[in-house]
Amino acid sequence: MVKRGSQTPTVPRDKEYQHFAEEFTDLILDPRSGTWIVQFLLQGGFEHVPSEEYIASGGFAQHVLNLAEMDWVQPTWLVNALYSRDRERVSLWVKERLVEANLTSEEVKRFLTVAHPSFLRKSLKQLNAKFKFHRGPRPKLPPREYSKILERADVLRPAIVRLLSLLPGTRNSLAETLKYLQKDYPEACEFLQRHQLRFEKALSDATLLKRAESRIPARARVLADAMAGTDYDLAFSTSVERVREARRKVTPKNS
């Protein structure tokens, strides 16, 4: 959820972290807050400690807009906990992330500020027409560059085949398994480690599971195609289609 910000002398005690976590969780799960805040959390919107300047400007509203169509980056169990309003599990996760990041009291208060239901409305007023009519830029992939994600998919597929064959019989985590495979598939594993949260989501994505047959090679191909467009912010389904378009163009030349 968060990454460490600037050092300040006041670091909360365990009870204070617990209080902050519960208050933050209540703000997230409060129906009056609207659904945007849950989506924003799932899209990694709270990964950095907000600055005072950020809080005072319309930058927060712009950030919400920019992430609005991005894929979720949080694990599936947290998605389920948020949508089932499991306050205990969400609060525990928030507290663990706060403690892990060693946030100060001041930094946690900034998170509480931007999570408050009234804050987005204030930021929207700052942004005014820009928020309504100007969408932040999203990286696009022109047809002439489809071959780039095809190359990426071809690099990823052998590593994913091996990973899928290992996962059912190992107690190691996904991160540990990727590290183990790195010596044989350095480029693929580096990419998957860098985008591990997204890869975890792909592994459990119902739509991708429907696309793939039960055989490991077929599932690995779908997963590789879905992950190949990550650097271009392509949704899983879009990435799969773009890779397949590129593959159709080159297949006749290689047949």
Protein backbone atom coordinates (compact mmCIF):
# COMPACT_ATOMS: atom_id res chain seq x y z
CA MET A 1 0.00 0.00 0.00
CA VAL A 2 2.68 2.51 0.94
CA LYS A 3 6.34 3.30 0.46
CA ARG A 4 8.47 5.11 2.97
CA GLY A 5 8.42 8.86 2.86
CA SER A 6 10.58 11.50 4.50
CA GLN A 7 11.92 10.96 8.02
CA THR A 8 10.24 12.74 10.91
CA PRO A 9 10.86 12.10 14.59
CA THR A 10 7.38 10.92 15.65
CA VAL A 11 6.91 7.22 14.90
CA PRO A 12 3.62 5.69 16.13
CA ARG A 13 3.54 2.88 18.63
CA ASP A 14 1.75 -0.39 17.92
CA LYS A 15 -1.54 0.79 19.43
CA GLU A 16 -1.37 3.97 17.38
CA TYR A 17 -0.72 2.02 14.17
CA GLN A 18 -3.72 -0.14 15.05
CA HIS A 19 -5.89 2.94 15.56
CA PHE A 20 -4.70 4.49 12.28
CA ALA A 21 -5.31 1.21 10.42
CA GLU A 22 -8.85 0.91 11.76
CA GLU A 23 -9.66 4.52 10.93
CA PHE A 24 -8.25 4.17 7.40
CA THR A 25 -10.17 0.91 6.91
CA ASP A 26 -13.42 2.51 8.07
CA LEU A 27 -12.95 5.29 5.53
CA ILE A 28 -12.33 2.79 2.73
CA LEU A 29 -15.28 0.55 3.61
CA ASP A 30 -17.75 3.33 4.39
CA PRO A 31 -20.51 3.12 1.72
CA ARG A 32 -20.75 6.92 1.82
CA SER A 33 -17.20 7.12 0.46
CA GLY A 34 -18.31 5.64 -2.86
CA THR A 35 -16.71 2.83 -4.86
CA TRP A 36 -13.87 4.95 -6.24
CA ILE A 37 -11.76 4.62 -3.10
CA VAL A 38 -11.78 0.80 -3.19
CA GLN A 39 -10.86 0.87 -6.88
CA PHE A 40 -8.13 3.42 -6.18
CA LEU A 41 -6.62 1.21 -3.48
CA LEU A 42 -6.74 -1.88 -5.73
CA GLN A 43 -5.03 0.07 -8.52
CA GLY A 44 -2.12 1.00 -6.23
CA GLY A 45 -3.24 4.57 -5.68
CA PHE A 46 -2.00 4.69 -2.10
CA GLU A 47 1.50 3.37 -2.81
CA HIS A 48 3.27 6.64 -1.97
CA VAL A 49 2.99 9.04 0.92
CA PRO A 50 1.22 12.16 -0.40
CA SER A 51 3.10 15.43 -0.10
CA GLU A 52 1.62 18.61 1.36
CA GLU A 53 1.69 20.20 -2.09
CA TYR A 54 -0.11 17.21 -3.55
CA ILE A 55 -2.81 17.44 -0.90
CA ALA A 56 -3.29 21.17 -1.47
CA SER A 57 -3.60 20.89 -5.26
CA GLY A 58 -5.91 19.13 -7.71
CA GLY A 59 -3.21 16.51 -8.31
CA PHE A 60 -5.07 13.90 -6.28
CA ALA A 61 -8.15 14.09 -8.52
CA GLN A 62 -5.93 13.84 -11.61
CA HIS A 63 -4.22 10.79 -10.13
CA VAL A 64 -7.60 9.12 -9.49
CA LEU A 65 -8.53 9.80 -13.11
CA ASN A 66 -5.26 8.46 -14.50
CA LEU A 67 -5.66 5.17 -12.61
CA ALA A 68 -9.38 4.81 -13.33
CA GLU A 69 -8.95 2.37 -16.23
CA MET A 70 -5.86 0.58 -15.00
CA ASP A 71 -5.87 -3.06 -13.88
CA TRP A 72 -5.84 -4.02 -10.21
CA VAL A 73 -2.46 -4.71 -8.66
CA GLN A 74 -3.51 -6.09 -5.27
CA PRO A 75 -3.84 -9.82 -4.42
CA THR A 76 -7.14 -11.60 -4.98
CA TRP A 77 -7.78 -12.26 -1.29
CA LEU A 78 -7.62 -8.50 -0.59
CA VAL A 79 -10.03 -7.81 -3.47
CA ASN A 80 -12.49 -10.27 -1.91
CA ALA A 81 -11.98 -8.81 1.57
CA LEU A 82 -12.65 -5.28 0.34
CA TYR A 83 -15.80 -6.15 -1.60
CA SER A 84 -17.15 -8.31 1.23
CA ARG A 85 -16.32 -5.48 3.67
CA ASP A 86 -14.21 -7.79 5.85
CA ARG A 87 -13.05 -5.07 8.24
CA GLU A 88 -10.79 -7.35 10.29
CA ARG A 89 -8.75 -8.67 7.35
CA VAL A 90 -8.48 -5.30 5.62
CA SER A 91 -7.49 -3.54 8.85
CA LEU A 92 -4.80 -6.16 9.56
CA TRP A 93 -3.40 -5.76 6.04
CA VAL A 94 -3.34 -1.95 6.36
CA LYS A 95 -1.60 -2.12 9.73
CA GLU A 96 1.04 -4.54 8.43
CA ARG A 97 1.82 -2.23 5.53
CA LEU A 98 2.01 0.84 7.80
CA VAL A 99 4.40 -0.91 10.19
CA GLU A 100 6.46 -2.32 7.31
CA ALA A 101 6.85 1.16 5.81
CA ASN A 102 7.65 2.61 9.27
CA LEU A 103 5.46 5.61 8.57
CA THR A 104 5.45 8.54 10.97
CA SER A 105 2.33 9.93 12.60
CA GLU A 106 2.37 12.88 10.21
CA GLU A 107 2.59 10.66 7.13
CA VAL A 108 -0.27 8.45 8.29
CA LYS A 109 -2.40 11.54 8.92
CA ARG A 110 -1.83 12.56 5.30
CA PHE A 111 -3.25 9.22 4.16
CA LEU A 112 -6.27 9.74 6.37
CA THR A 113 -6.72 13.17 4.81
CA VAL A 114 -6.81 11.95 1.20
CA ALA A 115 -8.99 8.94 2.12
CA HIS A 116 -11.68 11.11 3.70
CA PRO A 117 -14.89 11.23 1.61
CA SER A 118 -14.77 15.01 1.29
CA PHE A 119 -11.22 15.19 -0.02
CA LEU A 120 -11.83 14.03 -3.60
CA ARG A 121 -14.62 16.58 -3.92
CA LYS A 122 -12.24 19.35 -2.83
CA SER A 123 -9.57 18.13 -5.22
CA LEU A 124 -12.12 18.01 -8.02
CA LYS A 125 -12.93 21.66 -7.44
CA GLN A 126 -9.23 22.45 -7.78
CA LEU A 127 -9.03 20.54 -11.00
CA ASN A 128 -12.32 21.94 -12.37
CA ALA A 129 -12.75 21.54 -16.11
CA LYS A 130 -9.46 19.71 -16.52
CA PHE A 131 -10.83 16.77 -14.58
CA LYS A 132 -14.02 16.70 -16.60
CA PHE A 133 -12.62 17.07 -20.09
CA HIS A 134 -8.97 16.04 -20.05
CA ARG A 135 -8.02 12.45 -19.54
CA GLY A 136 -4.45 11.81 -18.52
CA PRO A 137 -2.31 10.23 -21.21
CA ARG A 138 -2.20 6.46 -21.42
CA PRO A 139 0.56 4.69 -23.27
CA LYS A 140 -0.71 3.32 -26.57
CA LEU A 141 0.65 0.61 -28.78
CA PRO A 142 0.45 1.40 -32.49
CA PRO A 143 0.00 -1.60 -34.82
CA ARG A 144 3.55 -1.28 -36.15
CA GLU A 145 4.82 -2.12 -32.64
CA TYR A 146 2.67 -5.19 -31.98
CA SER A 147 5.74 -7.28 -32.75
CA LYS A 148 7.36 -5.98 -29.55
CA ILE A 149 4.80 -7.60 -27.28
CA LEU A 150 4.87 -10.76 -29.42
CA GLU A 151 8.60 -10.97 -28.72
CA ARG A 152 7.91 -10.43 -25.03
CA ALA A 153 5.27 -13.18 -25.01
CA ASP A 154 7.67 -15.59 -26.71
CA VAL A 155 10.28 -14.88 -24.02
CA LEU A 156 7.80 -15.33 -21.18
CA ARG A 157 6.08 -18.50 -22.35
CA PRO A 158 8.85 -21.11 -21.66
CA ALA A 159 9.40 -19.72 -18.17
CA ILE A 160 5.67 -19.78 -17.40
CA VAL A 161 5.38 -23.36 -18.69
CA ARG A 162 8.10 -24.41 -16.25
CA LEU A 163 6.60 -22.38 -13.42
CA LEU A 164 3.12 -23.88 -13.88
CA SER A 165 4.60 -27.36 -13.83
CA LEU A 166 6.39 -26.64 -10.53
CA LEU A 167 3.72 -24.74 -8.55
CA PRO A 168 1.37 -27.67 -7.74
CA GLY A 169 4.20 -29.68 -6.15
CA THR A 170 6.06 -27.00 -4.21
CA ARG A 171 5.51 -25.17 -0.96
CA ASN A 172 7.59 -22.26 -2.19
CA SER A 173 5.92 -18.93 -2.85
CA LEU A 174 5.60 -17.48 -6.32
CA ALA A 175 8.48 -15.10 -5.58
CA GLU A 176 10.69 -17.96 -4.44
CA THR A 177 9.83 -20.05 -7.48
CA LEU A 178 10.60 -17.17 -9.85
CA LYS A 179 13.94 -16.68 -8.11
CA TYR A 180 14.68 -20.38 -8.49
CA LEU A 181 13.92 -20.27 -12.22
CA GLN A 182 15.89 -17.10 -12.84
CA LYS A 183 19.11 -18.91 -13.68
CA ASP A 184 17.40 -20.65 -16.61
CA TYR A 185 15.06 -17.82 -17.68
CA PRO A 186 16.76 -14.59 -16.54
CA GLU A 187 14.90 -12.12 -18.79
CA ALA A 188 11.47 -13.65 -18.27
CA CYS A 189 11.85 -14.00 -14.52
CA GLU A 190 13.16 -10.47 -14.11
CA PHE A 191 10.07 -9.19 -15.91
CA LEU A 192 7.67 -11.36 -13.89
CA GLN A 193 9.34 -10.41 -10.62
CA ARG A 194 9.07 -6.73 -11.53
CA HIS A 195 5.36 -7.19 -12.22
CA GLN A 196 4.65 -9.88 -9.63
CA LEU A 197 1.39 -8.41 -8.31
CA ARG A 198 -0.01 -8.19 -11.82
CA PHE A 199 1.19 -11.72 -12.59
CA GLU A 200 -0.55 -13.01 -9.44
CA LYS A 201 -3.74 -11.40 -10.68
CA ALA A 202 -3.29 -13.00 -14.12
CA LEU A 203 -2.85 -16.44 -12.56
CA SER A 204 -6.25 -16.19 -10.89
CA ASP A 205 -8.08 -14.15 -13.54
CA ALA A 206 -11.32 -15.96 -14.39
CA THR A 207 -11.43 -14.67 -17.97
CA LEU A 208 -7.90 -15.87 -18.70
CA LEU A 209 -8.66 -19.25 -17.15
CA LYS A 210 -11.63 -19.61 -19.50
CA ARG A 211 -9.43 -18.78 -22.51
CA ALA A 212 -6.90 -21.49 -21.68
CA GLU A 213 -7.27 -25.23 -21.97
CA SER A 214 -6.37 -27.40 -19.00
CA ARG A 215 -3.01 -28.30 -20.54
CA ILE A 216 -0.08 -26.37 -19.11
CA PRO A 217 1.36 -25.24 -22.50
CA ALA A 218 -1.98 -23.72 -23.53
CA ARG A 219 -2.44 -21.92 -20.21
CA ALA A 220 1.15 -20.66 -20.29
CA ARG A 221 0.61 -19.24 -23.75
CA VAL A 222 -2.48 -17.30 -22.64
CA LEU A 223 -0.70 -15.99 -19.54
CA ALA A 224 2.37 -14.97 -21.55
CA ASP A 225 0.20 -13.15 -24.09
CA ALA A 226 -1.74 -11.40 -21.30
CA MET A 227 1.41 -10.26 -19.48
CA ALA A 228 3.25 -9.18 -22.63
CA GLY A 229 1.45 -5.83 -22.83
CA THR A 230 2.18 -4.83 -19.23
CA ASP A 231 4.72 -2.13 -20.08
CA TYR A 232 2.12 -0.52 -22.34
CA ASP A 233 -0.62 -0.62 -19.68
CA LEU A 234 -2.74 -2.93 -21.81
CA ALA A 235 -5.56 -4.83 -20.15
CA PHE A 236 -5.11 -8.62 -20.17
CA SER A 237 -7.70 -9.18 -22.90
CA THR A 238 -6.29 -6.39 -25.06
CA SER A 239 -2.76 -7.71 -24.71
CA VAL A 240 -3.87 -11.21 -25.71
CA GLU A 241 -5.59 -9.88 -28.83
CA ARG A 242 -2.65 -7.69 -29.85
CA VAL A 243 -0.19 -10.57 -29.49
CA ARG A 244 -2.43 -12.83 -31.53
CA GLU A 245 -2.75 -10.20 -34.25
CA ALA A 246 1.03 -9.97 -34.40
CA ARG A 247 1.36 -13.74 -34.44
CA ARG A 248 -1.08 -14.07 -37.36
CA LYS A 249 1.03 -11.64 -39.38
CA VAL A 250 4.30 -13.51 -38.89
CA THR A 251 3.04 -17.10 -39.01
CA PRO A 252 2.70 -17.28 -42.84
CA LYS A 253 6.32 -16.17 -43.21
CA ASN A 254 7.54 -18.95 -40.97
CA SER A 255 5.34 -21.72 -42.36
